[in-house]
Amino acid sequence: MQEEIKNVGWLYGLAIASSLGMVTFGFNNGVFNLIQDFVSQVLGLSGREKITFVSNVSSFIPLGGLVGALFSSAFLGRFGRRLSLMIADILGIIGTASILYGNIHSIYLSLIHI
């Protein structure tokens, strides 16, 4: 016996929200790989420091995905799908805001040094 879905828009919204994790993961990897030289230059890193910084940041992104995957089952069991997605979206918004703040700050610093 199938239940009729009353609000199809809500279902599509949940599907989009739950798939945004993959999109942001790929976006963060792609964007950071393109700008790692600029970020290292703005931070004044060279040689071994630059290699260590780029390696750490490149490995922390998949590590965050691993930690999220490990804790997602416990999160879903405790809070349910709706609240878990809301919390993940809030964390994503906070992360995006911090990245934007960092980009604005680094652009400001690069303009000062010109």
N, C-alpha and C. Protein backbone atom coordinates (compact mmCIF):
# COMPACT_ATOMS: atom_id res chain seq x y z
N MET A 1 0.83 -1.17 0.00
CA MET A 1 0.00 0.00 0.00
C MET A 1 0.88 1.24 0.00
N GLN A 2 0.71 2.09 -0.99
CA GLN A 2 1.52 3.29 -1.10
C GLN A 2 0.78 4.49 -0.52
N GLU A 3 1.54 5.30 0.20
CA GLU A 3 0.98 6.55 0.70
C GLU A 3 1.15 7.62 -0.35
N GLU A 4 0.18 8.45 -0.50
CA GLU A 4 0.28 9.55 -1.44
C GLU A 4 1.06 10.69 -0.80
N ILE A 5 1.99 11.20 -1.53
CA ILE A 5 2.80 12.30 -1.03
C ILE A 5 2.02 13.59 -1.25
N LYS A 6 1.76 14.29 -0.15
CA LYS A 6 0.91 15.48 -0.23
C LYS A 6 1.69 16.71 -0.68
N ASN A 7 2.92 16.80 -0.28
CA ASN A 7 3.70 17.99 -0.61
C ASN A 7 4.97 17.56 -1.35
N VAL A 8 4.90 17.54 -2.66
CA VAL A 8 6.02 17.09 -3.47
C VAL A 8 7.18 18.10 -3.40
N GLY A 9 6.88 19.38 -3.27
CA GLY A 9 7.92 20.40 -3.14
C GLY A 9 8.80 20.16 -1.93
N TRP A 10 8.20 19.74 -0.83
CA TRP A 10 8.95 19.43 0.39
C TRP A 10 9.91 18.27 0.15
N LEU A 11 9.44 17.27 -0.59
CA LEU A 11 10.28 16.11 -0.91
C LEU A 11 11.47 16.52 -1.77
N TYR A 12 11.22 17.35 -2.77
CA TYR A 12 12.32 17.84 -3.60
C TYR A 12 13.29 18.69 -2.79
N GLY A 13 12.78 19.49 -1.88
CA GLY A 13 13.64 20.30 -1.02
C GLY A 13 14.54 19.43 -0.15
N LEU A 14 13.99 18.36 0.41
CA LEU A 14 14.80 17.44 1.22
C LEU A 14 15.87 16.77 0.38
N ALA A 15 15.51 16.37 -0.84
CA ALA A 15 16.49 15.72 -1.71
C ALA A 15 17.62 16.68 -2.07
N ILE A 16 17.28 17.92 -2.35
CA ILE A 16 18.31 18.91 -2.69
C ILE A 16 19.19 19.20 -1.48
N ALA A 17 18.58 19.38 -0.31
CA ALA A 17 19.36 19.67 0.89
C ALA A 17 20.28 18.51 1.25
N SER A 18 19.82 17.29 1.07
CA SER A 18 20.66 16.15 1.43
C SER A 18 21.77 15.91 0.42
N SER A 19 21.62 16.39 -0.80
CA SER A 19 22.67 16.19 -1.79
C SER A 19 23.66 17.35 -1.84
N LEU A 20 23.40 18.43 -1.13
CA LEU A 20 24.31 19.57 -1.16
C LEU A 20 25.67 19.27 -0.54
N GLY A 21 25.72 18.27 0.33
CA GLY A 21 27.00 17.90 0.93
C GLY A 21 28.01 17.48 -0.10
N MET A 22 27.58 16.66 -1.07
CA MET A 22 28.49 16.24 -2.13
C MET A 22 28.93 17.42 -2.98
N VAL A 23 28.00 18.32 -3.24
CA VAL A 23 28.32 19.48 -4.08
C VAL A 23 29.34 20.37 -3.38
N THR A 24 29.12 20.67 -2.10
CA THR A 24 30.07 21.53 -1.39
C THR A 24 31.42 20.85 -1.20
N PHE A 25 31.42 19.53 -1.01
CA PHE A 25 32.68 18.80 -0.88
C PHE A 25 33.50 18.93 -2.16
N GLY A 26 32.87 18.69 -3.30
CA GLY A 26 33.57 18.81 -4.58
C GLY A 26 33.96 20.25 -4.88
N PHE A 27 33.08 21.18 -4.55
CA PHE A 27 33.37 22.60 -4.78
C PHE A 27 34.57 23.05 -3.96
N ASN A 28 34.58 22.69 -2.67
CA ASN A 28 35.70 23.11 -1.81
C ASN A 28 37.01 22.51 -2.29
N ASN A 29 36.99 21.23 -2.68
CA ASN A 29 38.21 20.62 -3.20
C ASN A 29 38.67 21.30 -4.48
N GLY A 30 37.74 21.53 -5.39
CA GLY A 30 38.08 22.15 -6.67
C GLY A 30 38.58 23.57 -6.52
N VAL A 31 37.90 24.35 -5.70
CA VAL A 31 38.28 25.75 -5.52
C VAL A 31 39.62 25.85 -4.81
N PHE A 32 39.81 25.08 -3.77
CA PHE A 32 41.08 25.20 -3.04
C PHE A 32 42.25 24.75 -3.89
N ASN A 33 42.06 23.72 -4.70
CA ASN A 33 43.16 23.28 -5.55
C ASN A 33 43.55 24.34 -6.56
N LEU A 34 42.59 25.16 -6.98
CA LEU A 34 42.90 26.22 -7.94
C LEU A 34 43.59 27.42 -7.30
N ILE A 35 43.27 27.72 -6.05
CA ILE A 35 43.80 28.95 -5.44
C ILE A 35 44.85 28.71 -4.37
N GLN A 36 45.38 27.50 -4.28
CA GLN A 36 46.33 27.22 -3.20
C GLN A 36 47.61 28.05 -3.32
N ASP A 37 48.05 28.36 -4.52
CA ASP A 37 49.24 29.21 -4.66
C ASP A 37 48.97 30.63 -4.16
N PHE A 38 47.78 31.16 -4.50
CA PHE A 38 47.43 32.52 -4.06
C PHE A 38 47.30 32.58 -2.54
N VAL A 39 46.64 31.59 -1.95
CA VAL A 39 46.47 31.56 -0.49
C VAL A 39 47.82 31.48 0.19
N SER A 40 48.70 30.65 -0.34
CA SER A 40 50.04 30.53 0.25
C SER A 40 50.82 31.84 0.13
N GLN A 41 50.64 32.54 -0.99
CA GLN A 41 51.31 33.82 -1.17
C GLN A 41 50.77 34.88 -0.20
N VAL A 42 49.44 34.93 -0.03
CA VAL A 42 48.84 35.90 0.88
C VAL A 42 49.28 35.64 2.32
N LEU A 43 49.38 34.36 2.69
CA LEU A 43 49.81 34.02 4.04
C LEU A 43 51.32 34.11 4.23
N GLY A 44 52.04 34.35 3.15
CA GLY A 44 53.49 34.49 3.24
C GLY A 44 54.21 33.17 3.42
N LEU A 45 53.65 32.09 2.90
CA LEU A 45 54.26 30.78 3.05
C LEU A 45 55.11 30.45 1.83
N SER A 46 56.22 29.78 2.07
CA SER A 46 57.06 29.33 0.96
C SER A 46 57.79 28.06 1.38
N GLY A 47 58.22 27.33 0.40
CA GLY A 47 59.01 26.13 0.65
C GLY A 47 58.23 25.07 1.41
N ARG A 48 58.84 24.60 2.47
CA ARG A 48 58.27 23.50 3.27
C ARG A 48 56.95 23.91 3.94
N GLU A 49 56.86 25.16 4.40
CA GLU A 49 55.62 25.64 5.03
C GLU A 49 54.44 25.59 4.06
N LYS A 50 54.69 25.98 2.82
CA LYS A 50 53.63 25.96 1.80
C LYS A 50 53.17 24.53 1.53
N ILE A 51 54.12 23.63 1.39
CA ILE A 51 53.77 22.23 1.13
C ILE A 51 52.98 21.65 2.30
N THR A 52 53.38 21.95 3.52
CA THR A 52 52.66 21.45 4.70
C THR A 52 51.26 22.04 4.78
N PHE A 53 51.12 23.32 4.53
CA PHE A 53 49.81 23.97 4.58
C PHE A 53 48.87 23.39 3.54
N VAL A 54 49.32 23.29 2.31
CA VAL A 54 48.49 22.77 1.23
C VAL A 54 48.11 21.32 1.49
N SER A 55 49.04 20.53 1.98
CA SER A 55 48.76 19.12 2.29
C SER A 55 47.73 18.98 3.41
N ASN A 56 47.89 19.79 4.45
CA ASN A 56 46.95 19.71 5.58
C ASN A 56 45.54 20.11 5.17
N VAL A 57 45.42 21.23 4.46
CA VAL A 57 44.08 21.68 4.07
C VAL A 57 43.46 20.70 3.09
N SER A 58 44.25 20.19 2.15
CA SER A 58 43.72 19.23 1.18
C SER A 58 43.28 17.93 1.85
N SER A 59 43.92 17.56 2.93
CA SER A 59 43.53 16.31 3.60
C SER A 59 42.42 16.52 4.64
N PHE A 60 42.25 17.75 5.14
CA PHE A 60 41.19 17.99 6.11
C PHE A 60 39.80 17.99 5.49
N ILE A 61 39.70 18.34 4.22
CA ILE A 61 38.39 18.35 3.56
C ILE A 61 37.81 16.94 3.48
N PRO A 62 38.55 15.92 2.97
CA PRO A 62 38.00 14.56 3.00
C PRO A 62 37.85 14.01 4.41
N LEU A 63 38.72 14.43 5.32
CA LEU A 63 38.61 13.98 6.70
C LEU A 63 37.30 14.47 7.33
N GLY A 64 36.89 15.69 6.99
CA GLY A 64 35.60 16.20 7.46
C GLY A 64 34.45 15.38 6.91
N GLY A 65 34.55 14.97 5.64
CA GLY A 65 33.53 14.11 5.05
C GLY A 65 33.47 12.76 5.74
N LEU A 66 34.63 12.21 6.11
CA LEU A 66 34.68 10.93 6.80
C LEU A 66 34.04 11.03 8.18
N VAL A 67 34.38 12.06 8.91
CA VAL A 67 33.79 12.26 10.25
C VAL A 67 32.28 12.45 10.14
N GLY A 68 31.85 13.23 9.16
CA GLY A 68 30.41 13.42 8.96
C GLY A 68 29.70 12.13 8.63
N ALA A 69 30.32 11.28 7.81
CA ALA A 69 29.71 10.00 7.46
C ALA A 69 29.64 9.06 8.66
N LEU A 70 30.66 9.10 9.50
CA LEU A 70 30.66 8.22 10.68
C LEU A 70 29.61 8.62 11.70
N PHE A 71 29.38 9.92 11.86
CA PHE A 71 28.44 10.38 12.87
C PHE A 71 27.02 10.57 12.35
N SER A 72 26.82 10.44 11.05
CA SER A 72 25.50 10.71 10.49
C SER A 72 24.45 9.71 10.97
N SER A 73 24.82 8.47 11.13
CA SER A 73 23.86 7.46 11.59
C SER A 73 23.39 7.75 13.02
N ALA A 74 24.32 8.08 13.89
CA ALA A 74 23.96 8.41 15.27
C ALA A 74 23.12 9.68 15.31
N PHE A 75 23.48 10.65 14.48
CA PHE A 75 22.73 11.91 14.41
C PHE A 75 21.30 11.66 13.95
N LEU A 76 21.16 10.86 12.90
CA LEU A 76 19.83 10.57 12.37
C LEU A 76 18.99 9.82 13.39
N GLY A 77 19.59 8.88 14.10
CA GLY A 77 18.85 8.12 15.11
C GLY A 77 18.41 8.98 16.28
N ARG A 78 19.23 9.94 16.64
CA ARG A 78 18.91 10.77 17.80
C ARG A 78 17.98 11.93 17.47
N PHE A 79 18.22 12.63 16.36
CA PHE A 79 17.47 13.84 16.06
C PHE A 79 16.45 13.69 14.94
N GLY A 80 16.55 12.63 14.16
CA GLY A 80 15.65 12.47 13.03
C GLY A 80 16.21 13.15 11.79
N ARG A 81 15.61 12.82 10.64
CA ARG A 81 16.13 13.35 9.38
C ARG A 81 15.98 14.86 9.25
N ARG A 82 14.84 15.36 9.61
CA ARG A 82 14.57 16.79 9.41
C ARG A 82 15.52 17.67 10.21
N LEU A 83 15.62 17.40 11.51
CA LEU A 83 16.49 18.22 12.35
C LEU A 83 17.96 18.01 11.99
N SER A 84 18.33 16.79 11.61
CA SER A 84 19.71 16.53 11.20
C SER A 84 20.07 17.33 9.96
N LEU A 85 19.16 17.37 8.98
CA LEU A 85 19.41 18.16 7.78
C LEU A 85 19.47 19.65 8.11
N MET A 86 18.63 20.10 9.03
CA MET A 86 18.66 21.51 9.41
C MET A 86 19.99 21.86 10.08
N ILE A 87 20.46 21.00 10.96
CA ILE A 87 21.74 21.24 11.63
C ILE A 87 22.88 21.23 10.62
N ALA A 88 22.86 20.28 9.69
CA ALA A 88 23.90 20.21 8.66
C ALA A 88 23.87 21.45 7.77
N ASP A 89 22.67 21.92 7.44
CA ASP A 89 22.56 23.14 6.63
C ASP A 89 23.09 24.36 7.38
N ILE A 90 22.79 24.45 8.67
CA ILE A 90 23.28 25.57 9.48
C ILE A 90 24.80 25.53 9.55
N LEU A 91 25.37 24.34 9.76
CA LEU A 91 26.83 24.23 9.77
C LEU A 91 27.43 24.59 8.41
N GLY A 92 26.75 24.21 7.33
CA GLY A 92 27.21 24.58 6.00
C GLY A 92 27.16 26.07 5.77
N ILE A 93 26.11 26.72 6.27
CA ILE A 93 26.00 28.17 6.13
C ILE A 93 27.10 28.87 6.93
N ILE A 94 27.36 28.38 8.13
CA ILE A 94 28.43 28.96 8.95
C ILE A 94 29.78 28.77 8.28
N GLY A 95 30.02 27.58 7.74
CA GLY A 95 31.28 27.32 7.03
C GLY A 95 31.45 28.19 5.81
N THR A 96 30.37 28.34 5.04
CA THR A 96 30.43 29.19 3.86
C THR A 96 30.67 30.64 4.23
N ALA A 97 30.01 31.10 5.30
CA ALA A 97 30.22 32.48 5.75
C ALA A 97 31.66 32.69 6.20
N SER A 98 32.24 31.71 6.87
CA SER A 98 33.64 31.87 7.31
C SER A 98 34.59 31.86 6.12
N ILE A 99 34.28 31.05 5.09
CA ILE A 99 35.11 31.06 3.88
C ILE A 99 35.00 32.41 3.18
N LEU A 100 33.78 32.93 3.09
CA LEU A 100 33.59 34.24 2.45
C LEU A 100 34.30 35.33 3.23
N TYR A 101 34.22 35.28 4.56
CA TYR A 101 34.92 36.27 5.37
C TYR A 101 36.42 36.17 5.15
N GLY A 102 36.93 34.95 5.09
CA GLY A 102 38.36 34.76 4.84
C GLY A 102 38.77 35.28 3.47
N ASN A 103 37.91 35.05 2.47
CA ASN A 103 38.22 35.55 1.13
C ASN A 103 38.21 37.07 1.10
N ILE A 104 37.22 37.68 1.72
CA ILE A 104 37.15 39.14 1.76
C ILE A 104 38.36 39.70 2.51
N HIS A 105 38.71 39.06 3.62
CA HIS A 105 39.85 39.50 4.41
C HIS A 105 41.15 39.37 3.61
N SER A 106 41.33 38.24 2.90
CA SER A 106 42.56 38.06 2.12
C SER A 106 42.62 39.02 0.94
N ILE A 107 41.47 39.31 0.31
CA ILE A 107 41.46 40.29 -0.78
C ILE A 107 41.84 41.66 -0.24
N TYR A 108 41.31 42.01 0.93
CA TYR A 108 41.65 43.28 1.56
C TYR A 108 43.15 43.35 1.85
N LEU A 109 43.70 42.27 2.40
CA LEU A 109 45.13 42.26 2.71
C LEU A 109 45.98 42.34 1.44
N SER A 110 45.53 41.66 0.37
CA SER A 110 46.31 41.73 -0.87
C SER A 110 46.24 43.10 -1.49
N LEU A 111 45.12 43.82 -1.32
CA LEU A 111 45.03 45.18 -1.85
C LEU A 111 45.90 46.15 -1.06
N ILE A 112 46.05 45.91 0.22
CA ILE A 112 46.90 46.78 1.05
C ILE A 112 48.36 46.64 0.63
N HIS A 113 48.77 45.41 0.28
CA HIS A 113 50.18 45.15 -0.05
C HIS A 113 50.54 45.50 -1.48
N ILE A 114 49.61 46.00 -2.25
CA ILE A 114 49.92 46.34 -3.66
C ILE A 114 50.65 47.65 -3.72
